[in-house]
C-alpha atoms as a PDB file:
ATOM      1  CA  MET A   1      12.390  33.975-120.914  1.00  0.00           C
ATOM      2  CA  HIS A   2       9.412  34.632-123.176  1.00  0.00           C
ATOM      3  CA  GLU A   3       8.242  38.087-124.166  1.00  0.00           C
ATOM      4  CA  ARG A   4       5.303  38.291-121.764  1.00  0.00           C
ATOM      5  CA  GLU A   5       7.451  37.024-118.912  1.00  0.00           C
ATOM      6  CA  ARG A   6       9.944  39.826-119.601  1.00  0.00           C
ATOM      7  CA  TRP A   7       7.085  42.312-119.530  1.00  0.00           C
ATOM      8  CA  GLN A   8       6.122  41.098-116.057  1.00  0.00           C
ATOM      9  CA  VAL A   9       9.687  41.604-114.817  1.00  0.00           C
ATOM     10  CA  ILE A  10       9.942  45.071-116.380  1.00  0.00           C
ATOM     11  CA  LYS A  11       6.609  46.086-114.837  1.00  0.00           C
ATOM     12  CA  ALA A  12       7.900  44.913-111.468  1.00  0.00           C
ATOM     13  CA  LEU A  13      10.998  47.066-111.925  1.00  0.00           C
ATOM     14  CA  LEU A  14       8.801  50.070-112.744  1.00  0.00           C
ATOM     15  CA  ARG A  15       6.950  49.625-109.466  1.00  0.00           C
ATOM     16  CA  GLU A  16      10.269  49.874-107.624  1.00  0.00           C
ATOM     17  CA  ARG A  17      11.786  52.860-109.413  1.00  0.00           C
ATOM     18  CA  PRO A  18      10.672  55.770-111.631  1.00  0.00           C
ATOM     19  CA  LEU A  19      13.057  54.916-114.487  1.00  0.00           C
ATOM     20  CA  VAL A  20      14.147  51.522-115.780  1.00  0.00           C
ATOM     21  CA  ARG A  21      17.204  51.634-117.999  1.00  0.00           C
ATOM     22  CA  ILE A  22      17.950  49.116-120.725  1.00  0.00           C
ATOM     23  CA  ALA A  23      20.870  47.708-118.731  1.00  0.00           C
ATOM     24  CA  ASP A  24      18.609  47.192-115.689  1.00  0.00           C
ATOM     25  CA  ALA A  25      16.095  45.197-117.727  1.00  0.00           C
ATOM     26  CA  CYS A  26      18.825  43.169-119.441  1.00  0.00           C
ATOM     27  CA  ARG A  27      20.255  42.116-116.067  1.00  0.00           C
ATOM     28  CA  ALA A  28      16.840  41.237-114.633  1.00  0.00           C
ATOM     29  CA  THR A  29      15.591  39.261-117.646  1.00  0.00           C
ATOM     30  CA  GLY A  30      18.768  37.913-119.214  1.00  0.00           C
ATOM     31  CA  ALA A  31      17.572  39.264-122.575  1.00  0.00           C
ATOM     32  CA  SER A  32      19.571  41.123-125.210  1.00  0.00           C
ATOM     33  CA  GLU A  33      19.425  44.899-125.619  1.00  0.00           C
ATOM     34  CA  ALA A  34      17.512  44.467-128.870  1.00  0.00           C
ATOM     35  CA  SER A  35      14.842  42.380-127.144  1.00  0.00           C
ATOM     36  CA  VAL A  36      14.552  44.803-124.250  1.00  0.00           C
ATOM     37  CA  ARG A  37      14.188  47.764-126.637  1.00  0.00           C
ATOM     38  CA  ARG A  38      11.303  45.950-128.332  1.00  0.00           C
ATOM     39  CA  ASP A  39       9.776  45.211-124.924  1.00  0.00           C
ATOM     40  CA  PHE A  40      10.043  48.883-123.945  1.00  0.00           C
ATOM     41  CA  ALA A  41       8.362  49.915-127.194  1.00  0.00           C
ATOM     42  CA  SER A  42       5.539  47.401-126.692  1.00  0.00           C
ATOM     43  CA  LEU A  43       4.911  48.454-123.089  1.00  0.00           C
ATOM     44  CA  ALA A  44       4.885  52.111-124.123  1.00  0.00           C
ATOM     45  CA  GLU A  45       2.344  51.342-126.866  1.00  0.00           C
ATOM     46  CA  GLN A  46       0.191  49.575-124.266  1.00  0.00           C
ATOM     47  CA  GLY A  47       0.228  52.710-122.118  1.00  0.00           C
ATOM     48  CA  VAL A  48       2.052  50.959-119.274  1.00  0.00           C
ATOM     49  CA  ALA A  49       4.936  53.465-119.222  1.00  0.00           C
ATOM     50  CA  ILE A  50       6.593  56.265-121.179  1.00  0.00           C
ATOM     51  CA  ARG A  51       9.455  55.510-123.561  1.00  0.00           C
ATOM     52  CA  VAL A  52      12.396  57.827-122.940  1.00  0.00           C
ATOM     53  CA  HIS A  53      15.955  57.912-124.260  1.00  0.00           C
ATOM     54  CA  GLY A  54      17.796  54.873-122.911  1.00  0.00           C
ATOM     55  CA  GLY A  55      14.952  53.578-120.797  1.00  0.00           C
ATOM     56  CA  LEU A  56      11.333  53.365-119.735  1.00  0.00           C
ATOM     57  CA  GLU A  57       9.726  55.816-117.328  1.00  0.00           C
ATOM     58  CA  ALA A  58       6.877  55.056-114.948  1.00  0.00           C
ATOM     59  CA  LEU A  59       3.655  56.959-115.537  1.00  0.00           C
ATOM     60  CA  PRO A  60       3.074  59.923-113.205  1.00  0.00           C
ATOM     61  CA  ASN A  61       1.476  58.902-109.890  1.00  0.00           C
ATOM     62  CA  THR A  62       1.771  55.202-110.775  1.00  0.00           C
ATOM     63  CA  ALA A  63       3.448  54.344-107.481  1.00  0.00           C
ATOM     64  CA  SER A  64       0.914  56.185-105.351  1.00  0.00           C
ATOM     65  CA  ALA A  65      -1.987  54.753-107.332  1.00  0.00           C
ATOM     66  CA  GLN A  66      -0.772  51.242-106.622  1.00  0.00           C
ATOM     67  CA  GLY A  67      -0.658  51.909-102.904  1.00  0.00           C
ATOM     68  CA  ASP A  68       0.802  48.959-101.023  1.00  0.00           C
ATOM     69  CA  VAL A  69       0.981  46.620-104.031  1.00  0.00           C
ATOM     70  CA  VAL A  70       4.710  45.975-104.398  1.00  0.00           C
ATOM     71  CA  SER A  71       6.761  43.444-106.267  1.00  0.00           C
ATOM     72  CA  LEU A  72      10.271  42.128-106.753  1.00  0.00           C
ATOM     73  CA  ALA A  73      12.298  42.439-109.947  1.00  0.00           C
ATOM     74  CA  THR A  74      11.772  38.830-110.958  1.00  0.00           C
ATOM     75  CA  ARG A  75       9.085  36.684-112.565  1.00  0.00           C
ATOM     76  CA  ALA A  76       5.615  36.588-111.075  1.00  0.00           C
ATOM     77  CA  PHE A  77       4.792  33.316-109.310  1.00  0.00           C
ATOM     78  CA  ASP A  78       1.834  32.584-111.598  1.00  0.00           C
ATOM     79  CA  VAL A  79       4.015  33.032-114.692  1.00  0.00           C
ATOM     80  CA  SER A  80       6.970  30.983-113.487  1.00  0.00           C
ATOM     81  CA  GLN A  81       4.751  28.216-112.130  1.00  0.00           C
ATOM     82  CA  THR A  82       3.705  27.205-115.651  1.00  0.00           C
ATOM     83  CA  LEU A  83       7.272  26.788-116.964  1.00  0.00           C
ATOM     84  CA  ASN A  84       9.081  23.419-117.057  1.00  0.00           C
ATOM     85  CA  ILE A  85       6.505  21.952-114.695  1.00  0.00           C
ATOM     86  CA  ASP A  86       7.441  18.275-115.232  1.00  0.00           C
ATOM     87  CA  ALA A  87      11.086  18.990-114.484  1.00  0.00           C
ATOM     88  CA  LYS A  88      10.203  21.028-111.397  1.00  0.00           C
ATOM     89  CA  ARG A  89       7.970  18.274-109.994  1.00  0.00           C
ATOM     90  CA  ALA A  90      10.619  15.602-110.543  1.00  0.00           C
ATOM     91  CA  ILE A  91      13.305  17.799-108.966  1.00  0.00           C
ATOM     92  CA  ALA A  92      11.061  18.575-105.985  1.00  0.00           C
ATOM     93  CA  LYS A  93      10.305  14.888-105.440  1.00  0.00           C
ATOM     94  CA  ALA A  94      14.021  14.059-105.384  1.00  0.00           C
ATOM     95  CA  ALA A  95      14.669  16.955-102.999  1.00  0.00           C
ATOM     96  CA  VAL A  96      12.086  15.742-100.483  1.00  0.00           C
ATOM     97  CA  ALA A  97      13.630  12.262-100.651  1.00  0.00           C
ATOM     98  CA  LEU A  98      16.778  13.795 -99.120  1.00  0.00           C
ATOM     99  CA  CYS A  99      14.866  14.677 -95.936  1.00  0.00           C
ATOM    100  CA  ALA A 100      14.317  12.529 -92.862  1.00  0.00           C
ATOM    101  CA  ASP A 101      11.249  12.841 -90.651  1.00  0.00           C
ATOM    102  CA  GLY A 102      11.909  14.990 -87.605  1.00  0.00           C
ATOM    103  CA  GLU A 103      14.361  17.271 -89.415  1.00  0.00           C
ATOM    104  CA  THR A 104      14.135  21.037 -89.332  1.00  0.00           C
ATOM    105  CA  ILE A 105      14.461  22.502 -92.820  1.00  0.00           C
ATOM    106  CA  ILE A 106      14.201  25.850 -94.591  1.00  0.00           C
ATOM    107  CA  ILE A 107      12.448  26.160 -97.945  1.00  0.00           C
ATOM    108  CA  ASN A 108      12.968  29.414 -99.811  1.00  0.00           C
ATOM    109  CA  GLY A 109      10.182  30.813-101.971  1.00  0.00           C
ATOM    110  CA  GLY A 110      10.108  29.761-105.623  1.00  0.00           C
ATOM    111  CA  THR A 111       8.025  27.714-108.022  1.00  0.00           C
ATOM    112  CA  THR A 112      10.367  24.705-107.980  1.00  0.00           C
ATOM    113  CA  THR A 113      10.505  24.632-104.191  1.00  0.00           C
ATOM    114  CA  TYR A 114       6.711  25.093-104.148  1.00  0.00           C
ATOM    115  CA  GLN A 115       6.390  21.720-105.896  1.00  0.00           C
ATOM    116  CA  MET A 116       7.880  20.112-102.773  1.00  0.00           C
ATOM    117  CA  ALA A 117       4.515  20.612-101.051  1.00  0.00           C
ATOM    118  CA  GLU A 118       2.907  17.608-102.732  1.00  0.00           C
ATOM    119  CA  PHE A 119       5.670  15.283-101.571  1.00  0.00           C
ATOM    120  CA  LEU A 120       5.814  16.686 -98.043  1.00  0.00           C
ATOM    121  CA  ARG A 121       2.182  15.911 -97.242  1.00  0.00           C
ATOM    122  CA  GLU A 122       2.871  12.627 -95.449  1.00  0.00           C
ATOM    123  CA  ARG A 123       6.188  13.702 -93.968  1.00  0.00           C
ATOM    124  CA  ARG A 124       6.735  15.026 -90.461  1.00  0.00           C
ATOM    125  CA  LEU A 125       9.218  17.898 -90.567  1.00  0.00           C
ATOM    126  CA  LYS A 126       9.612  21.365 -89.117  1.00  0.00           C
ATOM    127  CA  VAL A 127       9.564  23.800 -92.036  1.00  0.00           C
ATOM    128  CA  LEU A 128      10.528  27.465 -92.074  1.00  0.00           C
ATOM    129  CA  THR A 129       9.487  29.049 -95.361  1.00  0.00           C
ATOM    130  CA  ASN A 130       9.068  32.556 -96.730  1.00  0.00           C
ATOM    131  CA  SER A 131       6.720  31.223 -99.424  1.00  0.00           C
ATOM    132  CA  TYR A 132       3.154  31.803 -98.317  1.00  0.00           C
ATOM    133  CA  PRO A 133       1.637  29.615-101.119  1.00  0.00           C
ATOM    134  CA  LEU A 134       3.805  26.741 -99.853  1.00  0.00           C
ATOM    135  CA  ALA A 135       2.979  27.524 -96.225  1.00  0.00           C
ATOM    136  CA  GLU A 136      -0.747  27.506 -97.007  1.00  0.00           C
ATOM    137  CA  VAL A 137      -0.562  24.031 -98.553  1.00  0.00           C
ATOM    138  CA  LEU A 138       1.554  22.630 -95.740  1.00  0.00           C
ATOM    139  CA  ILE A 139      -0.663  24.123 -93.028  1.00  0.00           C
ATOM    140  CA  HIS A 140      -3.856  22.643 -94.453  1.00  0.00           C
ATOM    141  CA  LYS A 141      -2.672  19.475 -96.175  1.00  0.00           C
ATOM    142  CA  SER A 142       0.397  18.121 -94.407  1.00  0.00           C
ATOM    143  CA  LYS A 143       1.649  16.844 -91.071  1.00  0.00           C
ATOM    144  CA  CYS A 144       4.571  19.269 -91.020  1.00  0.00           C
ATOM    145  CA  ARG A 145       5.023  22.030 -88.469  1.00  0.00           C
ATOM    146  CA  VAL A 146       5.261  25.355 -90.297  1.00  0.00           C
ATOM    147  CA  ALA A 147       6.990  28.612 -89.336  1.00  0.00           C
ATOM    148  CA  LEU A 148       6.930  31.892 -91.254  1.00  0.00           C
ATOM    149  CA  PRO A 149       9.432  34.766 -90.989  1.00  0.00           C
ATOM    150  CA  GLY A 150       8.279  38.310 -90.414  1.00  0.00           C
ATOM    151  CA  GLY A 151       8.367  40.817 -93.258  1.00  0.00           C
ATOM    152  CA  GLU A 152       6.481  42.355 -96.126  1.00  0.00           C
ATOM    153  CA  VAL A 153       4.301  40.310 -98.471  1.00  0.00           C
ATOM    154  CA  TYR A 154       5.246  40.426-102.151  1.00  0.00           C
ATOM    155  CA  ARG A 155       2.067  39.245-103.829  1.00  0.00           C
ATOM    156  CA  GLU A 156       3.332  38.583-107.348  1.00  0.00           C
ATOM    157  CA  GLN A 157       6.130  36.295-106.145  1.00  0.00           C
ATOM    158  CA  GLY A 158       4.152  34.849-103.251  1.00  0.00           C
ATOM    159  CA  MET A 159       6.929  35.672-100.799  1.00  0.00           C
ATOM    160  CA  ILE A 160       7.444  37.229 -97.381  1.00  0.00           C
ATOM    161  CA  VAL A 161      10.652  39.268 -97.271  1.00  0.00           C
ATOM    162  CA  SER A 162      12.067  41.367 -94.461  1.00  0.00           C
ATOM    163  CA  PRO A 163      14.499  44.223 -95.166  1.00  0.00           C
ATOM    164  CA  PHE A 164      15.848  44.050 -91.609  1.00  0.00           C
ATOM    165  CA  GLU A 165      18.857  42.084 -90.398  1.00  0.00           C
ATOM    166  CA  GLU A 166      17.308  41.308 -87.022  1.00  0.00           C
ATOM    167  CA  ASP A 167      14.041  39.382 -87.368  1.00  0.00           C
ATOM    168  CA  ALA A 168      12.314  36.166 -86.312  1.00  0.00           C
ATOM    169  CA  ILE A 169      14.674  33.822 -88.169  1.00  0.00           C
ATOM    170  CA  GLN A 170      17.799  34.746 -86.196  1.00  0.00           C
ATOM    171  CA  HIS A 171      17.089  32.059 -83.573  1.00  0.00           C
ATOM    172  CA  TYR A 172      16.201  29.365 -86.110  1.00  0.00           C
ATOM    173  CA  SER A 173      18.549  26.468 -86.879  1.00  0.00           C
ATOM    174  CA  ALA A 174      18.015  23.980 -89.738  1.00  0.00           C
ATOM    175  CA  THR A 175      19.855  20.960 -91.085  1.00  0.00           C
ATOM    176  CA  ARG A 176      19.111  21.861 -94.718  1.00  0.00           C
ATOM    177  CA  MET A 177      17.936  24.782 -96.801  1.00  0.00           C
ATOM    178  CA  PHE A 178      16.236  24.186-100.129  1.00  0.00           C
ATOM    179  CA  MET A 179      16.258  27.027-102.622  1.00  0.00           C
ATOM    180  CA  SER A 180      15.973  27.806-106.322  1.00  0.00           C
ATOM    181  CA  ALA A 181      17.537  30.766-108.142  1.00  0.00           C
ATOM    182  CA  ILE A 182      17.351  32.820-111.289  1.00  0.00           C
ATOM    183  CA  SER A 183      20.634  31.307-112.494  1.00  0.00           C
ATOM    184  CA  ILE A 184      23.520  28.986-111.553  1.00  0.00           C
ATOM    185  CA  GLY A 185      27.018  29.682-112.894  1.00  0.00           C
ATOM    186  CA  PRO A 186      30.732  29.588-112.075  1.00  0.00           C
ATOM    187  CA  LEU A 187      30.321  32.412-109.556  1.00  0.00           C
ATOM    188  CA  GLY A 188      27.596  30.544-107.671  1.00  0.00           C
ATOM    189  CA  VAL A 189      23.889  31.073-107.069  1.00  0.00           C
ATOM    190  CA  ILE A 190      22.642  34.194-108.847  1.00  0.00           C
ATOM    191  CA  GLU A 191      19.558  36.349-108.234  1.00  0.00           C
ATOM    192  CA  GLY A 192      18.208  39.420-109.994  1.00  0.00           C
ATOM    193  CA  ASP A 193      16.658  41.398-107.141  1.00  0.00           C
ATOM    194  CA  PRO A 194      18.803  42.817-104.296  1.00  0.00           C
ATOM    195  CA  LEU A 195      16.116  42.431-101.622  1.00  0.00           C
ATOM    196  CA  LEU A 196      15.547  38.810-102.593  1.00  0.00           C
ATOM    197  CA  ALA A 197      19.285  38.080-102.671  1.00  0.00           C
ATOM    198  CA  ARG A 198      19.701  39.591 -99.207  1.00  0.00           C
ATOM    199  CA  ALA A 199      16.785  37.584 -97.816  1.00  0.00           C
ATOM    200  CA  GLU A 200      18.261  34.351 -99.173  1.00  0.00           C
ATOM    201  CA  SER A 201      21.664  35.171 -97.696  1.00  0.00           C
ATOM    202  CA  LYS A 202      20.064  35.647 -94.282  1.00  0.00           C
ATOM    203  CA  LEU A 203      18.245  32.309 -94.492  1.00  0.00           C
ATOM    204  CA  LEU A 204      21.465  30.591 -95.537  1.00  0.00           C
ATOM    205  CA  LYS A 205      23.070  31.564 -92.237  1.00  0.00           C
ATOM    206  CA  ARG A 206      20.497  29.448 -90.411  1.00  0.00           C
ATOM    207  CA  ALA A 207      21.137  26.168 -92.294  1.00  0.00           C
ATOM    208  CA  ASP A 208      23.967  23.615 -92.257  1.00  0.00           C
ATOM    209  CA  LYS A 209      23.592  22.370 -95.841  1.00  0.00           C
ATOM    210  CA  LEU A 210      22.325  24.129 -98.957  1.00  0.00           C
ATOM    211  CA  ILE A 211      20.345  22.127-101.516  1.00  0.00           C
ATOM    212  CA  VAL A 212      19.763  24.013-104.776  1.00  0.00           C
ATOM    213  CA  LEU A 213      16.831  23.036-107.002  1.00  0.00           C
ATOM    214  CA  ALA A 214      17.454  24.109-110.595  1.00  0.00           C
ATOM    215  CA  ASP A 215      15.913  22.874-113.837  1.00  0.00           C
ATOM    216  CA  ALA A 216      17.942  22.971-117.060  1.00  0.00           C
ATOM    217  CA  SER A 217      16.822  26.529-117.899  1.00  0.00           C
ATOM    218  CA  LYS A 218      18.687  27.892-114.856  1.00  0.00           C
ATOM    219  CA  PHE A 219      22.099  27.286-116.417  1.00  0.00           C
ATOM    220  CA  VAL A 220      21.696  30.261-118.777  1.00  0.00           C
ATOM    221  CA  SER A 221      23.437  33.399-117.529  1.00  0.00           C
ATOM    222  CA  ARG A 222      20.999  35.976-116.124  1.00  0.00           C
ATOM    223  CA  GLY A 223      20.855  38.203-113.079  1.00  0.00           C
ATOM    224  CA  SER A 224      23.860  39.922-111.504  1.00  0.00           C
ATOM    225  CA  LEU A 225      23.725  39.351-107.741  1.00  0.00           C
ATOM    226  CA  VAL A 226      25.726  36.485-106.221  1.00  0.00           C
ATOM    227  CA  VAL A 227      23.840  34.995-103.273  1.00  0.00           C
ATOM    228  CA  CYS A 228      26.568  32.494-102.433  1.00  0.00           C
ATOM    229  CA  PRO A 229      29.577  30.803-104.094  1.00  0.00           C
ATOM    230  CA  LEU A 230      29.545  27.231-105.367  1.00  0.00           C
ATOM    231  CA  SER A 231      31.502  26.178-102.296  1.00  0.00           C
ATOM    232  CA  ARG A 232      28.387  26.850-100.177  1.00  0.00           C
ATOM    233  CA  ILE A 233      26.257  24.399-102.181  1.00  0.00           C
ATOM    234  CA  HIS A 234      26.167  20.874-100.770  1.00  0.00           C
ATOM    235  CA  THR A 235      23.834  19.329-103.377  1.00  0.00           C
ATOM    236  CA  LEU A 236      22.228  20.484-106.604  1.00  0.00           C
ATOM    237  CA  VAL A 237      19.171  18.685-107.979  1.00  0.00           C
ATOM    238  CA  THR A 238      18.436  19.158-111.663  1.00  0.00           C
ATOM    239  CA  ASP A 239      16.934  17.369-114.664  1.00  0.00           C
ATOM    240  CA  SER A 240      18.549  15.382-117.461  1.00  0.00           C
ATOM    241  CA  ASP A 241      18.367  18.315-119.908  1.00  0.00           C
ATOM    242  CA  ALA A 242      20.936  20.264-117.880  1.00  0.00           C
ATOM    243  CA  PRO A 243      24.151  20.905-119.857  1.00  0.00           C
ATOM    244  CA  ALA A 244      26.855  18.334-119.137  1.00  0.00           C
ATOM    245  CA  ALA A 245      29.582  20.991-119.000  1.00  0.00           C
ATOM    246  CA  ALA A 246      27.719  22.868-116.256  1.00  0.00           C
ATOM    247  CA  LEU A 247      27.259  19.704-114.206  1.00  0.00           C
ATOM    248  CA  ASP A 248      30.943  18.809-114.590  1.00  0.00           C
ATOM    249  CA  MET A 249      31.835  22.317-113.426  1.00  0.00           C
ATOM    250  CA  LEU A 250      29.692  21.844-110.317  1.00  0.00           C
ATOM    251  CA  ARG A 251      31.208  18.456-109.523  1.00  0.00           C
ATOM    252  CA  ASP A 252      34.698  19.893-109.964  1.00  0.00           C
ATOM    253  CA  ASN A 253      33.781  22.430-107.291  1.00  0.00           C
ATOM    254  CA  GLY A 254      32.744  19.740-104.824  1.00  0.00           C
ATOM    255  CA  VAL A 255      28.980  19.968-105.390  1.00  0.00           C
ATOM    256  CA  GLN A 256      27.022  16.717-105.221  1.00  0.00           C
ATOM    257  CA  VAL A 257      24.780  16.557-108.297  1.00  0.00           C
ATOM    258  CA  VAL A 258      21.482  14.649-108.463  1.00  0.00           C
ATOM    259  CA  VAL A 259      19.985  14.315-111.953  1.00  0.00           C
ATOM    260  CA  VAL A 260      16.356  13.267-112.409  1.00  0.00           C
ATOM    261  CA  ASP A 261      14.544  12.014-115.501  1.00  0.00           C
ATOM    262  CA  ALA A 262      11.571  14.377-115.724  1.00  0.00           C
ATOM    263  CA  ALA A 263       9.922  12.577-118.641  1.00  0.00           C
ATOM    264  CA  ALA A 264      10.046   9.215-116.894  1.00  0.00           C
ATOM    265  CA  GLU A 265       8.610  10.716-113.702  1.00  0.00           C
ATOM    266  CA  ALA A 266       5.805  12.389-115.658  1.00  0.00           C
ATOM    267  CA  ASN A 267       4.936   9.146-117.448  1.00  0.00           C
ATOM    268  CA  ALA A 268       4.929   7.230-114.175  1.00  0.00           C
ATOM    269  CA  ALA A 269       2.576   9.767-112.623  1.00  0.00           C
ATOM    270  CA  ALA A 270       0.189   9.748-115.618  1.00  0.00           C
END
């Protein structure tokens, strides 16, 4: 994660709590303590927050001044969307190829899953998604039926998330759920924000098979919240830069692995 991306995550944390400790920022960004200390110093110099011993403190009245503008402790959609774009497009194309017209699927919010929109335009599926950028594309530029869950809109991540257990998705049933994550490791699918992790767990209950979309950068340890174990993953779609040891670990745990050649796909599309 680059410096400015870490700043976005730390700012999001500050909107959720009055004090962000070094350990909190390390978990959310996957960065070292030394990097986070430098980030805290930079943000303090910019007047974003106040540097205190062991952490960063939100400016007085910051929360009330921002009103209803809330965020999750993860990268902003606009930031993440620019990263590893060729790999994400190739992964998304392969993911859509797993679908059959007439299926009911769930697509969780994320910039890799968002890339599925282009390849879903001529398909006829029923799609439940908590990504409103994806929903907007599918509503206006596809033949898919689109459903949205109830909840609060998180503008920076482009997501709709409900904090309640009982909501509109409880009667939904899907053959597959497609989702990305902050990290994939031996413990399973990892996220960095508790509200996001809980929302993904709820969606998982409504789907038979889980398809994880993860470019090579997702095999670096970051985040601390396990959404589900590896045993819950049916298929993982990644690119050819993914570490071989990680892919072997997934296969050993019964996960079907699909590897795409992002460079070849990009050249073919050019």
